[in-house]
């Protein structure tokens, strides 16, 4: 979450009123590493922040999915606002 907050700061630096939802789709591989990540919907309208979120998530590690040996597709919505 800290990394996503830092990415949101990029948008706030340009527009202190920036806010929006960023929906991310990502694949956790059998080893728990993120194999792919993309923004599939965003109302934030700040491409640099969206890329930053994807880049940060690409380095995250999760518990190995069960059953072992399978990848898992996940989605997560981030609601970004100053309040």
PDB file of N, CA and C in Angstrom:
ATOM      1  N   UNK A   1       0.823  -1.208   0.000  1.00  0.00           N
ATOM      2  CA  UNK A   1       0.000   0.000   0.000  1.00  0.00           C
ATOM      3  C   UNK A   1       0.855   1.255   0.000  1.00  0.00           C
ATOM      4  N   UNK A   2       1.997   1.214   0.665  1.00  0.00           N
ATOM      5  CA  UNK A   2       2.856   2.389   0.680  1.00  0.00           C
ATOM      6  C   UNK A   2       3.305   2.758  -0.724  1.00  0.00           C
ATOM      7  N   UNK A   3       3.642   1.747  -1.531  1.00  0.00           N
ATOM      8  CA  UNK A   3       4.099   2.000  -2.896  1.00  0.00           C
ATOM      9  C   UNK A   3       2.986   2.633  -3.724  1.00  0.00           C
ATOM     10  N   UNK A   4       1.762   2.175  -3.553  1.00  0.00           N
ATOM     11  CA  UNK A   4       0.634   2.744  -4.290  1.00  0.00           C
ATOM     12  C   UNK A   4       0.416   4.191  -3.857  1.00  0.00           C
ATOM     13  N   UNK A   5       0.544   4.459  -2.575  1.00  0.00           N
ATOM     14  CA  UNK A   5       0.420   5.832  -2.073  1.00  0.00           C
ATOM     15  C   UNK A   5       1.488   6.747  -2.655  1.00  0.00           C
ATOM     16  N   UNK A   6       2.696   6.225  -2.787  1.00  0.00           N
ATOM     17  CA  UNK A   6       3.771   7.016  -3.393  1.00  0.00           C
ATOM     18  C   UNK A   6       3.467   7.297  -4.860  1.00  0.00           C
ATOM     19  N   UNK A   7       2.892   6.329  -5.551  1.00  0.00           N
ATOM     20  CA  UNK A   7       2.513   6.539  -6.954  1.00  0.00           C
ATOM     21  C   UNK A   7       1.410   7.588  -7.066  1.00  0.00           C
ATOM     22  N   UNK A   8       0.481   7.565  -6.138  1.00  0.00           N
ATOM     23  CA  UNK A   8      -0.597   8.556  -6.116  1.00  0.00           C
ATOM     24  C   UNK A   8      -0.029   9.960  -5.911  1.00  0.00           C
ATOM     25  N   UNK A   9       1.063  10.071  -5.185  1.00  0.00           N
ATOM     26  CA  UNK A   9       1.686  11.382  -4.961  1.00  0.00           C
ATOM     27  C   UNK A   9       2.116  12.036  -6.273  1.00  0.00           C
ATOM     28  N   UNK A  10       2.435  11.237  -7.286  1.00  0.00           N
ATOM     29  CA  UNK A  10       2.781  11.796  -8.600  1.00  0.00           C
ATOM     30  C   UNK A  10       1.612  12.595  -9.162  1.00  0.00           C
ATOM     31  N   UNK A  11       0.416  12.064  -9.042  1.00  0.00           N
ATOM     32  CA  UNK A  11      -0.774  12.767  -9.525  1.00  0.00           C
ATOM     33  C   UNK A  11      -1.043  14.009  -8.679  1.00  0.00           C
ATOM     34  N   UNK A  12      -0.894  13.870  -7.364  1.00  0.00           N
ATOM     35  CA  UNK A  12      -1.164  15.006  -6.478  1.00  0.00           C
ATOM     36  C   UNK A  12      -0.175  16.144  -6.684  1.00  0.00           C
ATOM     37  N   UNK A  13       1.038  15.819  -7.083  1.00  0.00           N
ATOM     38  CA  UNK A  13       2.042  16.867  -7.332  1.00  0.00           C
ATOM     39  C   UNK A  13       1.614  17.764  -8.488  1.00  0.00           C
ATOM     40  N   UNK A  14       0.888  17.208  -9.448  1.00  0.00           N
ATOM     41  CA  UNK A  14       0.416  17.985 -10.595  1.00  0.00           C
ATOM     42  C   UNK A  14      -0.955  18.597 -10.352  1.00  0.00           C
ATOM     43  N   UNK A  15      -1.775  17.895  -9.564  1.00  0.00           N
ATOM     44  CA  UNK A  15      -3.132  18.361  -9.292  1.00  0.00           C
ATOM     45  C   UNK A  15      -3.491  17.977  -7.858  1.00  0.00           C
ATOM     46  N   UNK A  16      -3.446  18.929  -6.929  1.00  0.00           N
ATOM     47  CA  UNK A  16      -3.726  18.625  -5.523  1.00  0.00           C
ATOM     48  C   UNK A  16      -5.130  18.048  -5.277  1.00  0.00           C
ATOM     49  N   UNK A  17      -6.020  18.183  -6.246  1.00  0.00           N
ATOM     50  CA  UNK A  17      -7.377  17.656  -6.114  1.00  0.00           C
ATOM     51  C   UNK A  17      -7.553  16.321  -6.834  1.00  0.00           C
ATOM     52  N   UNK A  18      -6.481  15.749  -7.340  1.00  0.00           N
ATOM     53  CA  UNK A  18      -6.570  14.492  -8.094  1.00  0.00           C
ATOM     54  C   UNK A  18      -7.151  13.391  -7.213  1.00  0.00           C
ATOM     55  N   UNK A  19      -8.059  12.632  -7.784  1.00  0.00           N
ATOM     56  CA  UNK A  19      -8.635  11.487  -7.103  1.00  0.00           C
ATOM     57  C   UNK A  19      -9.260  10.578  -8.146  1.00  0.00           C
ATOM     58  N   UNK A  20      -9.463   9.341  -7.777  1.00  0.00           N
ATOM     59  CA  UNK A  20     -10.096   8.410  -8.705  1.00  0.00           C
ATOM     60  C   UNK A  20      -9.843   6.979  -8.298  1.00  0.00           C
ATOM     61  N   UNK A  21     -10.446   6.086  -9.056  1.00  0.00           N
ATOM     62  CA  UNK A  21     -10.296   4.655  -8.832  1.00  0.00           C
ATOM     63  C   UNK A  21      -9.354   4.083  -9.882  1.00  0.00           C
ATOM     64  N   UNK A  22      -8.490   3.194  -9.438  1.00  0.00           N
ATOM     65  CA  UNK A  22      -7.594   2.488 -10.348  1.00  0.00           C
ATOM     66  C   UNK A  22      -7.814   0.991 -10.101  1.00  0.00           C
ATOM     67  N   UNK A  23      -8.311   0.302 -11.118  1.00  0.00           N
ATOM     68  CA  UNK A  23      -8.577  -1.130 -11.026  1.00  0.00           C
ATOM     69  C   UNK A  23      -7.446  -1.868 -11.722  1.00  0.00           C
ATOM     70  N   UNK A  24      -6.810  -2.750 -10.982  1.00  0.00           N
ATOM     71  CA  UNK A  24      -5.629  -3.452 -11.468  1.00  0.00           C
ATOM     72  C   UNK A  24      -5.939  -4.940 -11.573  1.00  0.00           C
ATOM     73  N   UNK A  25      -5.471  -5.537 -12.676  1.00  0.00           N
ATOM     74  CA  UNK A  25      -5.595  -6.982 -12.881  1.00  0.00           C
ATOM     75  C   UNK A  25      -4.172  -7.527 -12.912  1.00  0.00           C
ATOM     76  N   UNK A  26      -3.940  -8.608 -12.150  1.00  0.00           N
ATOM     77  CA  UNK A  26      -2.592  -9.162 -12.120  1.00  0.00           C
ATOM     78  C   UNK A  26      -2.617 -10.676 -11.957  1.00  0.00           C
ATOM     79  N   UNK A  27      -1.539 -11.302 -12.394  1.00  0.00           N
ATOM     80  CA  UNK A  27      -1.407 -12.746 -12.305  1.00  0.00           C
ATOM     81  C   UNK A  27      -0.319 -13.070 -11.299  1.00  0.00           C
ATOM     82  N   UNK A  28      -0.687 -13.894 -10.311  1.00  0.00           N
ATOM     83  CA  UNK A  28       0.294 -14.405  -9.358  1.00  0.00           C
ATOM     84  C   UNK A  28       0.665 -15.804  -9.842  1.00  0.00           C
ATOM     85  N   UNK A  29       1.948 -15.979 -10.159  1.00  0.00           N
ATOM     86  CA  UNK A  29       2.421 -17.256 -10.671  1.00  0.00           C
ATOM     87  C   UNK A  29       2.540 -18.302  -9.585  1.00  0.00           C
ATOM     88  N   UNK A  30       2.857 -19.523  -9.974  1.00  0.00           N
ATOM     89  CA  UNK A  30       2.947 -20.630  -9.026  1.00  0.00           C
ATOM     90  C   UNK A  30       3.962 -20.406  -7.912  1.00  0.00           C
ATOM     91  N   UNK A  31       4.947 -19.553  -8.162  1.00  0.00           N
ATOM     92  CA  UNK A  31       5.982 -19.274  -7.164  1.00  0.00           C
ATOM     93  C   UNK A  31       5.632 -18.097  -6.262  1.00  0.00           C
ATOM     94  N   UNK A  32       4.480 -17.461  -6.499  1.00  0.00           N
ATOM     95  CA  UNK A  32       4.051 -16.318  -5.695  1.00  0.00           C
ATOM     96  C   UNK A  32       4.482 -14.979  -6.249  1.00  0.00           C
ATOM     97  N   UNK A  33       5.245 -15.001  -7.344  1.00  0.00           N
ATOM     98  CA  UNK A  33       5.675 -13.742  -7.962  1.00  0.00           C
ATOM     99  C   UNK A  33       4.597 -13.243  -8.922  1.00  0.00           C
ATOM    100  N   UNK A  34       4.531 -11.929  -9.085  1.00  0.00           N
ATOM    101  CA  UNK A  34       3.581 -11.331 -10.023  1.00  0.00           C
ATOM    102  C   UNK A  34       4.156 -11.496 -11.428  1.00  0.00           C
ATOM    103  N   UNK A  35       3.429 -12.232 -12.261  1.00  0.00           N
ATOM    104  CA  UNK A  35       3.887 -12.502 -13.622  1.00  0.00           C
ATOM    105  C   UNK A  35       3.444 -11.442 -14.612  1.00  0.00           C
ATOM    106  N   UNK A  36       2.332 -10.785 -14.344  1.00  0.00           N
ATOM    107  CA  UNK A  36       1.817  -9.748 -15.238  1.00  0.00           C
ATOM    108  C   UNK A  36       0.901  -8.843 -14.433  1.00  0.00           C
ATOM    109  N   UNK A  37       0.881  -7.578 -14.809  1.00  0.00           N
ATOM    110  CA  UNK A  37       0.001  -6.626 -14.124  1.00  0.00           C
ATOM    111  C   UNK A  37      -0.408  -5.543 -15.114  1.00  0.00           C
ATOM    112  N   UNK A  38      -1.678  -5.126 -15.034  1.00  0.00           N
ATOM    113  CA  UNK A  38      -2.167  -4.064 -15.907  1.00  0.00           C
ATOM    114  C   UNK A  38      -3.309  -3.314 -15.236  1.00  0.00           C
ATOM    115  N   UNK A  39      -3.440  -2.055 -15.582  1.00  0.00           N
ATOM    116  CA  UNK A  39      -4.605  -1.264 -15.182  1.00  0.00           C
ATOM    117  C   UNK A  39      -5.667  -1.532 -16.235  1.00  0.00           C
ATOM    118  N   UNK A  40      -6.836  -2.021 -15.818  1.00  0.00           N
ATOM    119  CA  UNK A  40      -7.890  -2.273 -16.798  1.00  0.00           C
ATOM    120  C   UNK A  40      -9.023  -1.260 -16.721  1.00  0.00           C
ATOM    121  N   UNK A  41      -9.004  -0.412 -15.703  1.00  0.00           N
ATOM    122  CA  UNK A  41      -9.987   0.678 -15.612  1.00  0.00           C
ATOM    123  C   UNK A  41      -9.428   1.727 -14.657  1.00  0.00           C
ATOM    124  N   UNK A  42      -9.557   2.987 -15.042  1.00  0.00           N
ATOM    125  CA  UNK A  42      -9.089   4.050 -14.163  1.00  0.00           C
ATOM    126  C   UNK A  42      -9.879   5.323 -14.398  1.00  0.00           C
ATOM    127  N   UNK A  43     -10.254   5.959 -13.300  1.00  0.00           N
ATOM    128  CA  UNK A  43     -10.843   7.291 -13.372  1.00  0.00           C
ATOM    129  C   UNK A  43      -9.861   8.338 -12.846  1.00  0.00           C
ATOM    130  N   UNK A  44      -8.665   7.900 -12.476  1.00  0.00           N
ATOM    131  CA  UNK A  44      -7.643   8.831 -11.984  1.00  0.00           C
ATOM    132  C   UNK A  44      -7.134   9.716 -13.103  1.00  0.00           C
ATOM    133  N   UNK A  45      -7.053   9.162 -14.305  1.00  0.00           N
ATOM    134  CA  UNK A  45      -6.616   9.906 -15.488  1.00  0.00           C
ATOM    135  C   UNK A  45      -5.209  10.484 -15.314  1.00  0.00           C
ATOM    136  N   UNK A  46      -4.311   9.670 -14.765  1.00  0.00           N
ATOM    137  CA  UNK A  46      -2.917  10.085 -14.618  1.00  0.00           C
ATOM    138  C   UNK A  46      -2.029   8.889 -14.992  1.00  0.00           C
ATOM    139  N   UNK A  47      -1.654   8.797 -16.276  1.00  0.00           N
ATOM    140  CA  UNK A  47      -0.900   7.636 -16.761  1.00  0.00           C
ATOM    141  C   UNK A  47       0.393   7.351 -15.993  1.00  0.00           C
ATOM    142  N   UNK A  48       1.107   8.387 -15.564  1.00  0.00           N
ATOM    143  CA  UNK A  48       2.362   8.148 -14.838  1.00  0.00           C
ATOM    144  C   UNK A  48       2.100   7.443 -13.508  1.00  0.00           C
ATOM    145  N   UNK A  49       1.056   7.817 -12.814  1.00  0.00           N
ATOM    146  CA  UNK A  49       0.701   7.150 -11.555  1.00  0.00           C
ATOM    147  C   UNK A  49       0.268   5.715 -11.815  1.00  0.00           C
ATOM    148  N   UNK A  50      -0.487   5.509 -12.870  1.00  0.00           N
ATOM    149  CA  UNK A  50      -0.958   4.164 -13.206  1.00  0.00           C
ATOM    150  C   UNK A  50       0.220   3.252 -13.556  1.00  0.00           C
ATOM    151  N   UNK A  51       1.168   3.749 -14.354  1.00  0.00           N
ATOM    152  CA  UNK A  51       2.377   2.970 -14.679  1.00  0.00           C
ATOM    153  C   UNK A  51       3.181   2.669 -13.429  1.00  0.00           C
ATOM    154  N   UNK A  52       3.285   3.648 -12.546  1.00  0.00           N
ATOM    155  CA  UNK A  52       4.018   3.490 -11.297  1.00  0.00           C
ATOM    156  C   UNK A  52       3.403   2.367 -10.451  1.00  0.00           C
ATOM    157  N   UNK A  53       2.084   2.332 -10.371  1.00  0.00           N
ATOM    158  CA  UNK A  53       1.402   1.289  -9.610  1.00  0.00           C
ATOM    159  C   UNK A  53       1.724  -0.081 -10.205  1.00  0.00           C
ATOM    160  N   UNK A  54       1.645  -0.197 -11.517  1.00  0.00           N
ATOM    161  CA  UNK A  54       1.956  -1.477 -12.175  1.00  0.00           C
ATOM    162  C   UNK A  54       3.405  -1.876 -11.935  1.00  0.00           C
ATOM    163  N   UNK A  55       4.315  -0.930 -12.054  1.00  0.00           N
ATOM    164  CA  UNK A  55       5.737  -1.231 -11.831  1.00  0.00           C
ATOM    165  C   UNK A  55       5.984  -1.686 -10.393  1.00  0.00           C
ATOM    166  N   UNK A  56       5.324  -1.030  -9.444  1.00  0.00           N
ATOM    167  CA  UNK A  56       5.487  -1.411  -8.035  1.00  0.00           C
ATOM    168  C   UNK A  56       4.930  -2.811  -7.793  1.00  0.00           C
ATOM    169  N   UNK A  57       3.748  -3.078  -8.301  1.00  0.00           N
ATOM    170  CA  UNK A  57       3.116  -4.375  -8.078  1.00  0.00           C
ATOM    171  C   UNK A  57       3.893  -5.511  -8.739  1.00  0.00           C
ATOM    172  N   UNK A  58       4.568  -5.222  -9.823  1.00  0.00           N
ATOM    173  CA  UNK A  58       5.345  -6.252 -10.525  1.00  0.00           C
ATOM    174  C   UNK A  58       6.443  -6.826  -9.635  1.00  0.00           C
ATOM    175  N   UNK A  59       6.829  -6.104  -8.609  1.00  0.00           N
ATOM    176  CA  UNK A  59       7.881  -6.559  -7.695  1.00  0.00           C
ATOM    177  C   UNK A  59       7.336  -7.189  -6.415  1.00  0.00           C
ATOM    178  N   UNK A  60       6.029  -7.241  -6.251  1.00  0.00           N
ATOM    179  CA  UNK A  60       5.436  -7.801  -5.053  1.00  0.00           C
ATOM    180  C   UNK A  60       5.520  -9.322  -5.092  1.00  0.00           C
ATOM    181  N   UNK A  61       5.458  -9.899  -3.922  1.00  0.00           N
ATOM    182  CA  UNK A  61       5.472 -11.362  -3.785  1.00  0.00           C
ATOM    183  C   UNK A  61       4.304 -11.761  -2.886  1.00  0.00           C
ATOM    184  N   UNK A  62       3.627 -12.804  -3.287  1.00  0.00           N
ATOM    185  CA  UNK A  62       2.456 -13.301  -2.578  1.00  0.00           C
ATOM    186  C   UNK A  62       2.707 -14.739  -2.131  1.00  0.00           C
ATOM    187  N   UNK A  63       1.895 -15.237  -1.196  1.00  0.00           N
ATOM    188  CA  UNK A  63       1.985 -16.662  -0.879  1.00  0.00           C
ATOM    189  C   UNK A  63       1.704 -17.481  -2.145  1.00  0.00           C
ATOM    190  N   UNK A  64       2.300 -18.640  -2.237  1.00  0.00           N
ATOM    191  CA  UNK A  64       2.073 -19.493  -3.405  1.00  0.00           C
ATOM    192  C   UNK A  64       0.598 -19.859  -3.508  1.00  0.00           C
ATOM    193  N   UNK A  65       0.033 -19.717  -4.703  1.00  0.00           N
ATOM    194  CA  UNK A  65      -1.375 -20.087  -4.889  1.00  0.00           C
ATOM    195  C   UNK A  65      -1.585 -21.582  -4.673  1.00  0.00           C
ATOM    196  N   UNK A  66      -2.779 -21.915  -4.254  1.00  0.00           N
ATOM    197  CA  UNK A  66      -3.157 -23.323  -4.103  1.00  0.00           C
ATOM    198  C   UNK A  66      -4.270 -23.619  -5.075  1.00  0.00           C
ATOM    199  N   UNK A  67      -4.332 -24.726  -5.737  1.00  0.00           N
ATOM    200  CA  UNK A  67      -3.340 -25.791  -5.627  1.00  0.00           C
ATOM    201  C   UNK A  67      -2.015 -25.374  -6.251  1.00  0.00           C
ATOM    202  N   UNK A  68      -0.967 -25.931  -5.752  1.00  0.00           N
ATOM    203  CA  UNK A  68       0.370 -25.585  -6.234  1.00  0.00           C
ATOM    204  C   UNK A  68       0.501 -25.861  -7.727  1.00  0.00           C
ATOM    205  N   UNK A  69       1.355 -25.073  -8.360  1.00  0.00           N
ATOM    206  CA  UNK A  69       1.598 -25.272  -9.779  1.00  0.00           C
ATOM    207  C   UNK A  69       0.642 -24.538 -10.688  1.00  0.00           C
ATOM    208  N   UNK A  70      -0.227 -23.704 -10.103  1.00  0.00           N
ATOM    209  CA  UNK A  70      -1.194 -22.970 -10.914  1.00  0.00           C
ATOM    210  C   UNK A  70      -1.035 -21.481 -10.688  1.00  0.00           C
ATOM    211  N   UNK A  71      -1.282 -20.731 -11.734  1.00  0.00           N
ATOM    212  CA  UNK A  71      -1.302 -19.272 -11.638  1.00  0.00           C
ATOM    213  C   UNK A  71      -2.714 -18.831 -11.272  1.00  0.00           C
ATOM    214  N   UNK A  72      -2.816 -17.644 -10.679  1.00  0.00           N
ATOM    215  CA  UNK A  72      -4.108 -17.114 -10.266  1.00  0.00           C
ATOM    216  C   UNK A  72      -4.252 -15.692 -10.804  1.00  0.00           C
ATOM    217  N   UNK A  73      -5.390 -15.414 -11.436  1.00  0.00           N
ATOM    218  CA  UNK A  73      -5.700 -14.083 -11.920  1.00  0.00           C
ATOM    219  C   UNK A  73      -6.498 -13.362 -10.840  1.00  0.00           C
ATOM    220  N   UNK A  74      -6.024 -12.186 -10.440  1.00  0.00           N
ATOM    221  CA  UNK A  74      -6.680 -11.401  -9.395  1.00  0.00           C
ATOM    222  C   UNK A  74      -6.960  -9.993  -9.903  1.00  0.00           C
ATOM    223  N   UNK A  75      -7.950  -9.359  -9.325  1.00  0.00           N
ATOM    224  CA  UNK A  75      -8.209  -7.949  -9.586  1.00  0.00           C
ATOM    225  C   UNK A  75      -8.298  -7.233  -8.245  1.00  0.00           C
ATOM    226  N   UNK A  76      -7.911  -5.957  -8.265  1.00  0.00           N
ATOM    227  CA  UNK A  76      -7.996  -5.178  -7.044  1.00  0.00           C
ATOM    228  C   UNK A  76      -8.297  -3.732  -7.391  1.00  0.00           C
ATOM    229  N   UNK A  77      -9.302  -3.136  -6.749  1.00  0.00           N
ATOM    230  CA  UNK A  77      -9.597  -1.724  -6.982  1.00  0.00           C
ATOM    231  C   UNK A  77      -8.951  -0.850  -5.910  1.00  0.00           C
ATOM    232  N   UNK A  78      -8.251   0.164  -6.333  1.00  0.00           N
ATOM    233  CA  UNK A  78      -7.711   1.162  -5.411  1.00  0.00           C
ATOM    234  C   UNK A  78      -8.556   2.421  -5.537  1.00  0.00           C
ATOM    235  N   UNK A  79      -9.061   2.913  -4.428  1.00  0.00           N
ATOM    236  CA  UNK A  79      -9.777   4.182  -4.384  1.00  0.00           C
ATOM    237  C   UNK A  79      -8.786   5.218  -3.842  1.00  0.00           C
ATOM    238  N   UNK A  80      -8.372   6.122  -4.700  1.00  0.00           N
ATOM    239  CA  UNK A  80      -7.339   7.096  -4.341  1.00  0.00           C
ATOM    240  C   UNK A  80      -7.971   8.472  -4.137  1.00  0.00           C
ATOM    241  N   UNK A  81      -7.822   8.976  -2.938  1.00  0.00           N
ATOM    242  CA  UNK A  81      -8.363  10.289  -2.581  1.00  0.00           C
ATOM    243  C   UNK A  81      -7.562  10.821  -1.399  1.00  0.00           C
ATOM    244  N   UNK A  82      -7.574  12.123  -1.227  1.00  0.00           N
ATOM    245  CA  UNK A  82      -6.800  12.726  -0.141  1.00  0.00           C
ATOM    246  C   UNK A  82      -7.485  12.592   1.211  1.00  0.00           C
ATOM    247  N   UNK A  83      -8.745  12.331   1.257  1.00  0.00           N
ATOM    248  CA  UNK A  83      -9.462  12.199   2.530  1.00  0.00           C
ATOM    249  C   UNK A  83      -9.822  10.777   2.814  1.00  0.00           C
TER     250      UNK A  83
END
